[in-house]
Amino acid sequence: MEPISVLIKSSIPNYLSNLPIPNSIGGWFRLGVKDWAQLVPFFAAVGGLSYVTYRTIKPKQICNPCISKDKDKVVHIENIEDLGEKTSYCRCWRSAKFPYCDGAHGKHNRETGDNVGPIVVKRKNAQ
């Protein structure tokens, strides 16, 4: 426990107090190459720690929030003869009529800033 105590109480504060951190924004532009070389390990450590923290606490972004979660893979097979003249398929995974689109992507797009829309399948002679 003694080495950790020395590290936290003495080594880190001494290291930080010796860094060439300027008192003003303009001071950053007056730093020399040697000063920047001293700051690289500090910023690399802060950046690495920030990244690890972000990856640890970042919520998982899943595509499918609720459809057929009891299955390993969601697969729908449609007979092309049964589709009619035009059919819209959901791509946002928010449709209450999944796999068909019910316009739920509009609300999803407003909430998330996304731009997803449906896949529209139509017969060649359909308008």
Protein backbone atom coordinates (compact mmCIF):
# COMPACT_ATOMS: atom_id res chain seq x y z
CA MET A 1 0.00 0.00 0.00
CA GLU A 2 2.97 2.31 0.61
CA PRO A 3 3.95 2.57 -3.10
CA ILE A 4 0.39 3.59 -4.04
CA SER A 5 0.35 6.19 -1.27
CA VAL A 6 3.66 7.67 -2.47
CA LEU A 7 2.41 7.66 -6.07
CA ILE A 8 -0.81 9.52 -5.23
CA LYS A 9 0.56 11.89 -2.56
CA SER A 10 3.95 12.72 -4.01
CA SER A 11 4.83 11.46 -7.50
CA ILE A 12 1.72 12.53 -9.43
CA PRO A 13 1.52 16.03 -7.86
CA ASN A 14 5.25 16.58 -8.53
CA TYR A 15 4.85 15.41 -12.14
CA LEU A 16 1.83 17.66 -12.72
CA SER A 17 3.46 20.70 -11.12
CA ASN A 18 6.46 20.35 -13.47
CA LEU A 19 4.37 20.29 -16.65
CA PRO A 20 4.74 23.42 -18.82
CA ILE A 21 1.04 24.40 -18.77
CA PRO A 22 0.63 28.07 -19.70
CA ASN A 23 -1.57 30.51 -17.78
CA SER A 24 -3.32 31.88 -20.87
CA ILE A 25 -4.56 30.67 -24.24
CA GLY A 26 -1.86 32.66 -25.99
CA GLY A 27 0.74 30.84 -23.91
CA TRP A 28 -0.02 27.59 -25.74
CA PHE A 29 1.24 29.17 -28.95
CA ARG A 30 4.52 30.17 -27.32
CA LEU A 31 5.41 26.65 -26.15
CA GLY A 32 8.56 25.19 -27.65
CA VAL A 33 9.13 21.69 -29.04
CA LYS A 34 10.62 20.52 -25.75
CA ASP A 35 7.54 21.75 -23.84
CA TRP A 36 5.18 19.95 -26.23
CA ALA A 37 7.29 16.78 -25.89
CA GLN A 38 6.76 16.95 -22.11
CA LEU A 39 3.00 17.33 -22.57
CA VAL A 40 2.55 14.40 -24.99
CA PRO A 41 2.62 11.62 -22.34
CA PHE A 42 0.21 13.56 -20.12
CA PHE A 43 -2.32 14.14 -22.91
CA ALA A 44 -1.92 10.55 -24.14
CA ALA A 45 -2.69 9.26 -20.63
CA VAL A 46 -5.68 11.59 -20.21
CA GLY A 47 -6.99 10.67 -23.67
CA GLY A 48 -6.52 6.95 -23.06
CA LEU A 49 -8.21 7.11 -19.68
CA SER A 50 -11.08 9.13 -21.15
CA TYR A 51 -11.52 6.61 -23.98
CA VAL A 52 -11.52 3.62 -21.60
CA THR A 53 -14.03 5.36 -19.35
CA TYR A 54 -16.26 6.20 -22.33
CA ARG A 55 -16.15 2.61 -23.61
CA THR A 56 -16.98 1.32 -20.12
CA ILE A 57 -20.00 3.52 -19.43
CA LYS A 58 -21.30 3.98 -23.01
CA PRO A 59 -24.67 2.25 -23.45
CA LYS A 60 -24.80 -0.46 -26.09
CA GLN A 61 -26.48 0.78 -29.23
CA ILE A 62 -28.65 -2.01 -30.50
CA CYS A 63 -30.52 -1.89 -33.78
CA ASN A 64 -33.47 -4.05 -32.73
CA PRO A 65 -34.97 -2.86 -29.42
CA CYS A 66 -37.92 -5.27 -29.09
CA ILE A 67 -38.81 -7.44 -32.11
CA SER A 68 -38.55 -11.24 -31.69
CA LYS A 69 -35.86 -10.97 -29.01
CA ASP A 70 -36.43 -14.65 -28.11
CA LYS A 71 -34.92 -15.70 -31.46
CA ASP A 72 -31.22 -15.88 -32.37
CA LYS A 73 -31.87 -14.10 -35.67
CA VAL A 74 -34.94 -12.28 -36.97
CA VAL A 75 -35.78 -13.52 -40.47
CA HIS A 76 -38.94 -12.92 -42.49
CA ILE A 77 -39.63 -14.69 -45.77
CA GLU A 78 -42.32 -13.29 -48.06
CA ASN A 79 -43.75 -14.79 -51.22
CA ILE A 80 -43.37 -12.18 -53.94
CA GLU A 81 -46.75 -13.16 -55.37
CA ASP A 82 -48.43 -12.09 -52.09
CA LEU A 83 -46.90 -8.61 -51.92
CA GLY A 84 -49.38 -6.79 -54.11
CA GLU A 85 -48.44 -3.77 -56.23
CA LYS A 86 -46.29 -2.02 -53.60
CA THR A 87 -45.01 -2.99 -50.13
CA SER A 88 -42.94 -0.95 -47.66
CA TYR A 89 -40.58 -2.76 -45.29
CA CYS A 90 -39.31 -1.28 -42.04
CA ARG A 91 -35.59 -0.59 -41.64
CA CYS A 92 -35.68 1.28 -38.31
CA TRP A 93 -36.94 -1.72 -36.26
CA ARG A 94 -39.52 0.50 -34.53
CA SER A 95 -42.64 -0.47 -36.54
CA ALA A 96 -45.57 -1.98 -34.64
CA LYS A 97 -46.39 -3.92 -37.84
CA PHE A 98 -42.82 -5.22 -38.36
CA PRO A 99 -41.58 -6.28 -40.92
CA TYR A 100 -43.89 -3.80 -42.64
CA CYS A 101 -43.35 -0.05 -42.27
CA ASP A 102 -45.94 1.93 -40.30
CA GLY A 103 -44.10 5.29 -40.38
CA ALA A 104 -42.40 4.83 -36.99
CA HIS A 105 -39.11 5.90 -38.57
CA GLY A 106 -40.36 9.52 -38.57
CA LYS A 107 -40.41 9.67 -34.77
CA HIS A 108 -37.16 7.69 -34.58
CA ASN A 109 -35.46 10.12 -36.98
CA ARG A 110 -36.62 13.20 -35.01
CA GLU A 111 -35.41 11.71 -31.70
CA THR A 112 -32.04 10.47 -32.93
CA GLY A 113 -31.16 12.70 -35.89
CA ASP A 114 -31.08 9.59 -38.09
CA ASN A 115 -32.40 9.56 -41.66
CA VAL A 116 -33.61 5.97 -42.06
CA GLY A 117 -36.66 5.21 -44.19
CA PRO A 118 -38.42 2.10 -45.47
CA ILE A 119 -37.49 -0.26 -48.25
CA VAL A 120 -40.24 0.01 -50.85
CA VAL A 121 -40.74 -2.98 -53.13
CA LYS A 122 -43.06 -2.49 -56.09
CA ARG A 123 -43.94 -4.46 -59.16
CA LYS A 124 -42.41 -3.23 -62.39
CA ASN A 125 -45.78 -2.19 -63.84
CA ALA A 126 -46.94 -0.44 -60.61
CA GLN A 127 -47.01 3.36 -60.45
